[in-house]
Amino acid sequence: MTPTAIELLPSLLQLTPDDRAELAAQLLNSLDTGTDESADEAWGEEIARRIEEVRRGRVKPVPWAEARAQILADDADGGR
């Protein structure tokens, strides 16, 4: 990090979580130099494919609380 960024960091970390989240989003948006049309199209196709898998019963959705618990358990044991 540059000296300016290092100097700003302690003050920024004192912001509320909502303000930090908004700031992070704005900073990330500032890095977006453009959209990749093929990536947008590929994501659209992937989303449509996944929705269809759920509709046909090939994939069973998992409630967020259950998915989160599983993610945290995987994270606790190093992802093993």
PDB file of N, CA and C in Angstrom:
ATOM      1  N   MET A   1       0.843  -1.184   0.000  1.00  0.00           N
ATOM      2  CA  MET A   1       0.000   0.000   0.000  1.00  0.00           C
ATOM      3  C   MET A   1       0.882   1.240   0.000  1.00  0.00           C
ATOM      4  N   THR A   2       0.334   2.273  -0.547  1.00  0.00           N
ATOM      5  CA  THR A   2       1.053   3.545  -0.559  1.00  0.00           C
ATOM      6  C   THR A   2       0.989   4.179   0.827  1.00  0.00           C
ATOM      7  N   PRO A   3       1.889   5.109   1.108  1.00  0.00           N
ATOM      8  CA  PRO A   3       1.832   5.802   2.402  1.00  0.00           C
ATOM      9  C   PRO A   3       0.479   6.481   2.650  1.00  0.00           C
ATOM     10  N   THR A   4      -0.120   7.026   1.610  1.00  0.00           N
ATOM     11  CA  THR A   4      -1.429   7.672   1.768  1.00  0.00           C
ATOM     12  C   THR A   4      -2.480   6.662   2.209  1.00  0.00           C
ATOM     13  N   ALA A   5      -2.500   5.502   1.578  1.00  0.00           N
ATOM     14  CA  ALA A   5      -3.465   4.467   1.940  1.00  0.00           C
ATOM     15  C   ALA A   5      -3.235   3.987   3.368  1.00  0.00           C
ATOM     16  N   ILE A   6      -1.982   3.814   3.740  1.00  0.00           N
ATOM     17  CA  ILE A   6      -1.647   3.378   5.097  1.00  0.00           C
ATOM     18  C   ILE A   6      -2.114   4.421   6.108  1.00  0.00           C
ATOM     19  N   GLU A   7      -1.970   5.684   5.764  1.00  0.00           N
ATOM     20  CA  GLU A   7      -2.391   6.772   6.652  1.00  0.00           C
ATOM     21  C   GLU A   7      -3.913   6.822   6.791  1.00  0.00           C
ATOM     22  N   LEU A   8      -4.637   6.557   5.721  1.00  0.00           N
ATOM     23  CA  LEU A   8      -6.101   6.606   5.730  1.00  0.00           C
ATOM     24  C   LEU A   8      -6.736   5.411   6.439  1.00  0.00           C
ATOM     25  N   LEU A   9      -6.108   4.268   6.378  1.00  0.00           N
ATOM     26  CA  LEU A   9      -6.721   3.032   6.856  1.00  0.00           C
ATOM     27  C   LEU A   9      -7.241   3.090   8.295  1.00  0.00           C
ATOM     28  N   PRO A  10      -6.482   3.538   9.270  1.00  0.00           N
ATOM     29  CA  PRO A  10      -7.013   3.553  10.637  1.00  0.00           C
ATOM     30  C   PRO A  10      -8.300   4.369  10.772  1.00  0.00           C
ATOM     31  N   SER A  11      -8.380   5.504  10.106  1.00  0.00           N
ATOM     32  CA  SER A  11      -9.601   6.315  10.156  1.00  0.00           C
ATOM     33  C   SER A  11     -10.767   5.598   9.495  1.00  0.00           C
ATOM     34  N   LEU A  12     -10.500   4.969   8.364  1.00  0.00           N
ATOM     35  CA  LEU A  12     -11.564   4.271   7.643  1.00  0.00           C
ATOM     36  C   LEU A  12     -12.095   3.087   8.425  1.00  0.00           C
ATOM     37  N   LEU A  13     -11.223   2.414   9.157  1.00  0.00           N
ATOM     38  CA  LEU A  13     -11.661   1.265   9.938  1.00  0.00           C
ATOM     39  C   LEU A  13     -12.542   1.659  11.119  1.00  0.00           C
ATOM     40  N   GLN A  14     -12.571   2.944  11.459  1.00  0.00           N
ATOM     41  CA  GLN A  14     -13.434   3.423  12.535  1.00  0.00           C
ATOM     42  C   GLN A  14     -14.847   3.740  12.051  1.00  0.00           C
ATOM     43  N   LEU A  15     -15.065   3.702  10.752  1.00  0.00           N
ATOM     44  CA  LEU A  15     -16.401   3.943  10.201  1.00  0.00           C
ATOM     45  C   LEU A  15     -17.335   2.809  10.619  1.00  0.00           C
ATOM     46  N   THR A  16     -18.627   3.077  10.541  1.00  0.00           N
ATOM     47  CA  THR A  16     -19.614   2.031  10.846  1.00  0.00           C
ATOM     48  C   THR A  16     -19.515   0.929   9.793  1.00  0.00           C
ATOM     49  N   PRO A  17     -19.963  -0.271  10.121  1.00  0.00           N
ATOM     50  CA  PRO A  17     -19.942  -1.345   9.118  1.00  0.00           C
ATOM     51  C   PRO A  17     -20.678  -0.964   7.834  1.00  0.00           C
ATOM     52  N   ASP A  18     -21.809  -0.271   7.955  1.00  0.00           N
ATOM     53  CA  ASP A  18     -22.552   0.140   6.754  1.00  0.00           C
ATOM     54  C   ASP A  18     -21.740   1.108   5.898  1.00  0.00           C
ATOM     55  N   ASP A  19     -21.082   2.064   6.561  1.00  0.00           N
ATOM     56  CA  ASP A  19     -20.268   3.018   5.808  1.00  0.00           C
ATOM     57  C   ASP A  19     -19.071   2.324   5.158  1.00  0.00           C
ATOM     58  N   ARG A  20     -18.438   1.390   5.878  1.00  0.00           N
ATOM     59  CA  ARG A  20     -17.310   0.653   5.295  1.00  0.00           C
ATOM     60  C   ARG A  20     -17.769  -0.172   4.099  1.00  0.00           C
ATOM     61  N   ALA A  21     -18.935  -0.790   4.209  1.00  0.00           N
ATOM     62  CA  ALA A  21     -19.453  -1.596   3.100  1.00  0.00           C
ATOM     63  C   ALA A  21     -19.729  -0.716   1.883  1.00  0.00           C
ATOM     64  N   GLU A  22     -20.342   0.441   2.113  1.00  0.00           N
ATOM     65  CA  GLU A  22     -20.632   1.347   1.004  1.00  0.00           C
ATOM     66  C   GLU A  22     -19.343   1.861   0.375  1.00  0.00           C
ATOM     67  N   LEU A  23     -18.378   2.197   1.212  1.00  0.00           N
ATOM     68  CA  LEU A  23     -17.090   2.657   0.706  1.00  0.00           C
ATOM     69  C   LEU A  23     -16.408   1.563  -0.113  1.00  0.00           C
ATOM     70  N   ALA A  24     -16.437   0.333   0.404  1.00  0.00           N
ATOM     71  CA  ALA A  24     -15.831  -0.788  -0.319  1.00  0.00           C
ATOM     72  C   ALA A  24     -16.510  -0.975  -1.674  1.00  0.00           C
ATOM     73  N   ALA A  25     -17.837  -0.888  -1.686  1.00  0.00           N
ATOM     74  CA  ALA A  25     -18.565  -1.045  -2.952  1.00  0.00           C
ATOM     75  C   ALA A  25     -18.170   0.045  -3.940  1.00  0.00           C
ATOM     76  N   GLN A  26     -18.076   1.280  -3.453  1.00  0.00           N
ATOM     77  CA  GLN A  26     -17.689   2.386  -4.329  1.00  0.00           C
ATOM     78  C   GLN A  26     -16.272   2.196  -4.862  1.00  0.00           C
ATOM     79  N   LEU A  27     -15.363   1.736  -3.999  1.00  0.00           N
ATOM     80  CA  LEU A  27     -13.987   1.508  -4.452  1.00  0.00           C
ATOM     81  C   LEU A  27     -13.933   0.390  -5.488  1.00  0.00           C
ATOM     82  N   LEU A  28     -14.676  -0.688  -5.242  1.00  0.00           N
ATOM     83  CA  LEU A  28     -14.700  -1.778  -6.221  1.00  0.00           C
ATOM     84  C   LEU A  28     -15.285  -1.312  -7.551  1.00  0.00           C
ATOM     85  N   ASN A  29     -16.346  -0.524  -7.477  1.00  0.00           N
ATOM     86  CA  ASN A  29     -16.939   0.004  -8.709  1.00  0.00           C
ATOM     87  C   ASN A  29     -15.962   0.878  -9.474  1.00  0.00           C
ATOM     88  N   SER A  30     -15.106   1.591  -8.742  1.00  0.00           N
ATOM     89  CA  SER A  30     -14.146   2.466  -9.411  1.00  0.00           C
ATOM     90  C   SER A  30     -13.086   1.665 -10.168  1.00  0.00           C
ATOM     91  N   LEU A  31     -12.916   0.389  -9.815  1.00  0.00           N
ATOM     92  CA  LEU A  31     -11.940  -0.450 -10.499  1.00  0.00           C
ATOM     93  C   LEU A  31     -12.511  -1.110 -11.743  1.00  0.00           C
ATOM     94  N   ASP A  32     -13.831  -1.102 -11.861  1.00  0.00           N
ATOM     95  CA  ASP A  32     -14.482  -1.738 -12.998  1.00  0.00           C
ATOM     96  C   ASP A  32     -14.283  -0.873 -14.231  1.00  0.00           C
ATOM     97  N   THR A  33     -13.418  -1.340 -15.111  1.00  0.00           N
ATOM     98  CA  THR A  33     -13.089  -0.547 -16.298  1.00  0.00           C
ATOM     99  C   THR A  33     -14.006  -0.839 -17.473  1.00  0.00           C
ATOM    100  N   GLY A  34     -14.961  -1.680 -17.281  1.00  0.00           N
ATOM    101  CA  GLY A  34     -15.887  -1.996 -18.354  1.00  0.00           C
ATOM    102  C   GLY A  34     -16.449  -3.383 -18.160  1.00  0.00           C
ATOM    103  N   THR A  35     -17.453  -3.681 -18.933  1.00  0.00           N
ATOM    104  CA  THR A  35     -18.058  -4.995 -18.816  1.00  0.00           C
ATOM    105  C   THR A  35     -17.592  -5.880 -19.955  1.00  0.00           C
ATOM    106  N   ASP A  36     -17.497  -7.118 -19.650  1.00  0.00           N
ATOM    107  CA  ASP A  36     -17.140  -8.125 -20.636  1.00  0.00           C
ATOM    108  C   ASP A  36     -18.450  -8.738 -21.127  1.00  0.00           C
ATOM    109  N   GLU A  37     -18.838  -8.354 -22.326  1.00  0.00           N
ATOM    110  CA  GLU A  37     -20.118  -8.806 -22.872  1.00  0.00           C
ATOM    111  C   GLU A  37     -20.236 -10.327 -22.853  1.00  0.00           C
ATOM    112  N   SER A  38     -19.159 -11.025 -23.186  1.00  0.00           N
ATOM    113  CA  SER A  38     -19.230 -12.488 -23.219  1.00  0.00           C
ATOM    114  C   SER A  38     -19.391 -13.053 -21.815  1.00  0.00           C
ATOM    115  N   ALA A  39     -18.810 -12.386 -20.813  1.00  0.00           N
ATOM    116  CA  ALA A  39     -18.964 -12.852 -19.433  1.00  0.00           C
ATOM    117  C   ALA A  39     -20.407 -12.651 -18.976  1.00  0.00           C
ATOM    118  N   ASP A  40     -20.991 -11.500 -19.302  1.00  0.00           N
ATOM    119  CA  ASP A  40     -22.388 -11.249 -18.942  1.00  0.00           C
ATOM    120  C   ASP A  40     -23.298 -12.293 -19.575  1.00  0.00           C
ATOM    121  N   GLU A  41     -23.045 -12.598 -20.826  1.00  0.00           N
ATOM    122  CA  GLU A  41     -23.852 -13.599 -21.527  1.00  0.00           C
ATOM    123  C   GLU A  41     -23.651 -14.977 -20.914  1.00  0.00           C
ATOM    124  N   ALA A  42     -22.415 -15.321 -20.594  1.00  0.00           N
ATOM    125  CA  ALA A  42     -22.126 -16.625 -19.999  1.00  0.00           C
ATOM    126  C   ALA A  42     -22.798 -16.758 -18.639  1.00  0.00           C
ATOM    127  N   TRP A  43     -22.775 -15.688 -17.822  1.00  0.00           N
ATOM    128  CA  TRP A  43     -23.439 -15.743 -16.520  1.00  0.00           C
ATOM    129  C   TRP A  43     -24.946 -15.888 -16.695  1.00  0.00           C
ATOM    130  N   GLY A  44     -25.505 -15.188 -17.670  1.00  0.00           N
ATOM    131  CA  GLY A  44     -26.940 -15.319 -17.932  1.00  0.00           C
ATOM    132  C   GLY A  44     -27.315 -16.749 -18.283  1.00  0.00           C
ATOM    133  N   GLU A  45     -26.498 -17.386 -19.122  1.00  0.00           N
ATOM    134  CA  GLU A  45     -26.742 -18.776 -19.499  1.00  0.00           C
ATOM    135  C   GLU A  45     -26.594 -19.705 -18.297  1.00  0.00           C
ATOM    136  N   GLU A  46     -25.594 -19.456 -17.465  1.00  0.00           N
ATOM    137  CA  GLU A  46     -25.371 -20.289 -16.280  1.00  0.00           C
ATOM    138  C   GLU A  46     -26.532 -20.167 -15.295  1.00  0.00           C
ATOM    139  N   ILE A  47     -27.004 -18.950 -15.099  1.00  0.00           N
ATOM    140  CA  ILE A  47     -28.141 -18.735 -14.199  1.00  0.00           C
ATOM    141  C   ILE A  47     -29.375 -19.449 -14.732  1.00  0.00           C
ATOM    142  N   ALA A  48     -29.628 -19.324 -16.030  1.00  0.00           N
ATOM    143  CA  ALA A  48     -30.778 -19.995 -16.636  1.00  0.00           C
ATOM    144  C   ALA A  48     -30.657 -21.510 -16.492  1.00  0.00           C
ATOM    145  N   ARG A  49     -29.451 -22.050 -16.686  1.00  0.00           N
ATOM    146  CA  ARG A  49     -29.230 -23.494 -16.548  1.00  0.00           C
ATOM    147  C   ARG A  49     -29.508 -23.954 -15.122  1.00  0.00           C
ATOM    148  N   ARG A  50     -29.036 -23.197 -14.153  1.00  0.00           N
ATOM    149  CA  ARG A  50     -29.238 -23.584 -12.753  1.00  0.00           C
ATOM    150  C   ARG A  50     -30.710 -23.499 -12.353  1.00  0.00           C
ATOM    151  N   ILE A  51     -31.393 -22.476 -12.823  1.00  0.00           N
ATOM    152  CA  ILE A  51     -32.830 -22.367 -12.538  1.00  0.00           C
ATOM    153  C   ILE A  51     -33.565 -23.562 -13.108  1.00  0.00           C
ATOM    154  N   GLU A  52     -33.222 -23.952 -14.321  1.00  0.00           N
ATOM    155  CA  GLU A  52     -33.863 -25.097 -14.961  1.00  0.00           C
ATOM    156  C   GLU A  52     -33.582 -26.387 -14.192  1.00  0.00           C
ATOM    157  N   GLU A  53     -32.378 -26.552 -13.667  1.00  0.00           N
ATOM    158  CA  GLU A  53     -32.054 -27.746 -12.876  1.00  0.00           C
ATOM    159  C   GLU A  53     -32.915 -27.818 -11.619  1.00  0.00           C
ATOM    160  N   VAL A  54     -33.171 -26.679 -10.995  1.00  0.00           N
ATOM    161  CA  VAL A  54     -34.035 -26.653  -9.814  1.00  0.00           C
ATOM    162  C   VAL A  54     -35.469 -26.975 -10.224  1.00  0.00           C
ATOM    163  N   ARG A  55     -35.940 -26.360 -11.301  1.00  0.00           N
ATOM    164  CA  ARG A  55     -37.323 -26.599 -11.760  1.00  0.00           C
ATOM    165  C   ARG A  55     -37.573 -28.072 -12.095  1.00  0.00           C
ATOM    166  N   ARG A  56     -36.587 -28.725 -12.686  1.00  0.00           N
ATOM    167  CA  ARG A  56     -36.742 -30.129 -13.070  1.00  0.00           C
ATOM    168  C   ARG A  56     -36.487 -31.091 -11.917  1.00  0.00           C
ATOM    169  N   GLY A  57     -36.089 -30.562 -10.770  1.00  0.00           N
ATOM    170  CA  GLY A  57     -35.859 -31.400  -9.614  1.00  0.00           C
ATOM    171  C   GLY A  57     -34.505 -32.092  -9.606  1.00  0.00           C
ATOM    172  N   ARG A  58     -33.619 -31.704 -10.497  1.00  0.00           N
ATOM    173  CA  ARG A  58     -32.278 -32.306 -10.545  1.00  0.00           C
ATOM    174  C   ARG A  58     -31.409 -31.809  -9.395  1.00  0.00           C
ATOM    175  N   VAL A  59     -31.719 -30.604  -8.934  1.00  0.00           N
ATOM    176  CA  VAL A  59     -30.965 -29.996  -7.840  1.00  0.00           C
ATOM    177  C   VAL A  59     -31.964 -29.563  -6.778  1.00  0.00           C
ATOM    178  N   LYS A  60     -31.641 -29.866  -5.523  1.00  0.00           N
ATOM    179  CA  LYS A  60     -32.517 -29.479  -4.427  1.00  0.00           C
ATOM    180  C   LYS A  60     -31.902 -28.274  -3.716  1.00  0.00           C
ATOM    181  N   PRO A  61     -32.638 -27.162  -3.653  1.00  0.00           N
ATOM    182  CA  PRO A  61     -32.117 -25.984  -2.961  1.00  0.00           C
ATOM    183  C   PRO A  61     -31.895 -26.277  -1.473  1.00  0.00           C
ATOM    184  N   VAL A  62     -30.931 -25.599  -0.901  1.00  0.00           N
ATOM    185  CA  VAL A  62     -30.618 -25.749   0.520  1.00  0.00           C
ATOM    186  C   VAL A  62     -30.933 -24.425   1.193  1.00  0.00           C
ATOM    187  N   PRO A  63     -31.652 -24.443   2.318  1.00  0.00           N
ATOM    188  CA  PRO A  63     -31.932 -23.187   3.021  1.00  0.00           C
ATOM    189  C   PRO A  63     -30.621 -22.495   3.423  1.00  0.00           C
ATOM    190  N   TRP A  64     -30.632 -21.162   3.420  1.00  0.00           N
ATOM    191  CA  TRP A  64     -29.425 -20.395   3.711  1.00  0.00           C
ATOM    192  C   TRP A  64     -28.812 -20.791   5.053  1.00  0.00           C
ATOM    193  N   ALA A  65     -29.625 -20.963   6.087  1.00  0.00           N
ATOM    194  CA  ALA A  65     -29.083 -21.290   7.408  1.00  0.00           C
ATOM    195  C   ALA A  65     -28.288 -22.598   7.350  1.00  0.00           C
ATOM    196  N   GLU A  66     -28.799 -23.569   6.615  1.00  0.00           N
ATOM    197  CA  GLU A  66     -28.108 -24.852   6.477  1.00  0.00           C
ATOM    198  C   GLU A  66     -26.821 -24.698   5.658  1.00  0.00           C
ATOM    199  N   ALA A  67     -26.895 -23.958   4.559  1.00  0.00           N
ATOM    200  CA  ALA A  67     -25.710 -23.741   3.723  1.00  0.00           C
ATOM    201  C   ALA A  67     -24.636 -22.996   4.503  1.00  0.00           C
ATOM    202  N   ARG A  68     -25.046 -21.980   5.253  1.00  0.00           N
ATOM    203  CA  ARG A  68     -24.095 -21.199   6.047  1.00  0.00           C
ATOM    204  C   ARG A  68     -23.417 -22.078   7.089  1.00  0.00           C
ATOM    205  N   ALA A  69     -24.197 -22.908   7.775  1.00  0.00           N
ATOM    206  CA  ALA A  69     -23.626 -23.801   8.787  1.00  0.00           C
ATOM    207  C   ALA A  69     -22.603 -24.740   8.149  1.00  0.00           C
ATOM    208  N   GLN A  70     -22.921 -25.238   6.970  1.00  0.00           N
ATOM    209  CA  GLN A  70     -21.999 -26.133   6.271  1.00  0.00           C
ATOM    210  C   GLN A  70     -20.721 -25.396   5.856  1.00  0.00           C
ATOM    211  N   ILE A  71     -20.871 -24.176   5.370  1.00  0.00           N
ATOM    212  CA  ILE A  71     -19.716 -23.386   4.974  1.00  0.00           C
ATOM    213  C   ILE A  71     -18.824 -23.116   6.179  1.00  0.00           C
ATOM    214  N   LEU A  72     -19.426 -22.740   7.289  1.00  0.00           N
ATOM    215  CA  LEU A  72     -18.645 -22.457   8.495  1.00  0.00           C
ATOM    216  C   LEU A  72     -17.967 -23.711   9.021  1.00  0.00           C
ATOM    217  N   ALA A  73     -18.645 -24.848   8.938  1.00  0.00           N
ATOM    218  CA  ALA A  73     -18.039 -26.098   9.383  1.00  0.00           C
ATOM    219  C   ALA A  73     -16.866 -26.471   8.483  1.00  0.00           C
ATOM    220  N   ASP A  74     -17.029 -26.303   7.169  1.00  0.00           N
ATOM    221  CA  ASP A  74     -15.938 -26.577   6.233  1.00  0.00           C
ATOM    222  C   ASP A  74     -14.757 -25.654   6.493  1.00  0.00           C
ATOM    223  N   ASP A  75     -15.065 -24.388   6.775  1.00  0.00           N
ATOM    224  CA  ASP A  75     -14.021 -23.405   7.032  1.00  0.00           C
ATOM    225  C   ASP A  75     -13.274 -23.729   8.323  1.00  0.00           C
ATOM    226  N   ALA A  76     -14.003 -24.218   9.329  1.00  0.00           N
ATOM    227  CA  ALA A  76     -13.389 -24.531  10.621  1.00  0.00           C
ATOM    228  C   ALA A  76     -12.399 -25.680  10.520  1.00  0.00           C
ATOM    229  N   ASP A  77     -12.667 -26.628   9.616  1.00  0.00           N
ATOM    230  CA  ASP A  77     -11.735 -27.760   9.496  1.00  0.00           C
ATOM    231  C   ASP A  77     -10.799 -27.601   8.294  1.00  0.00           C
ATOM    232  N   GLY A  78     -10.649 -26.381   7.845  1.00  0.00           N
ATOM    233  CA  GLY A  78      -9.702 -26.116   6.758  1.00  0.00           C
ATOM    234  C   GLY A  78     -10.207 -26.511   5.388  1.00  0.00           C
ATOM    235  N   GLY A  79     -11.524 -26.698   5.247  1.00  0.00           N
ATOM    236  CA  GLY A  79     -12.091 -27.053   3.941  1.00  0.00           C
ATOM    237  C   GLY A  79     -11.954 -28.497   3.560  1.00  0.00           C
ATOM    238  N   ARG A  80     -11.627 -29.326   4.539  1.00  0.00           N
ATOM    239  CA  ARG A  80     -11.453 -30.767   4.245  1.00  0.00           C
ATOM    240  C   ARG A  80     -12.753 -31.496   4.139  1.00  0.00           C
TER     241      ARG A  80
END
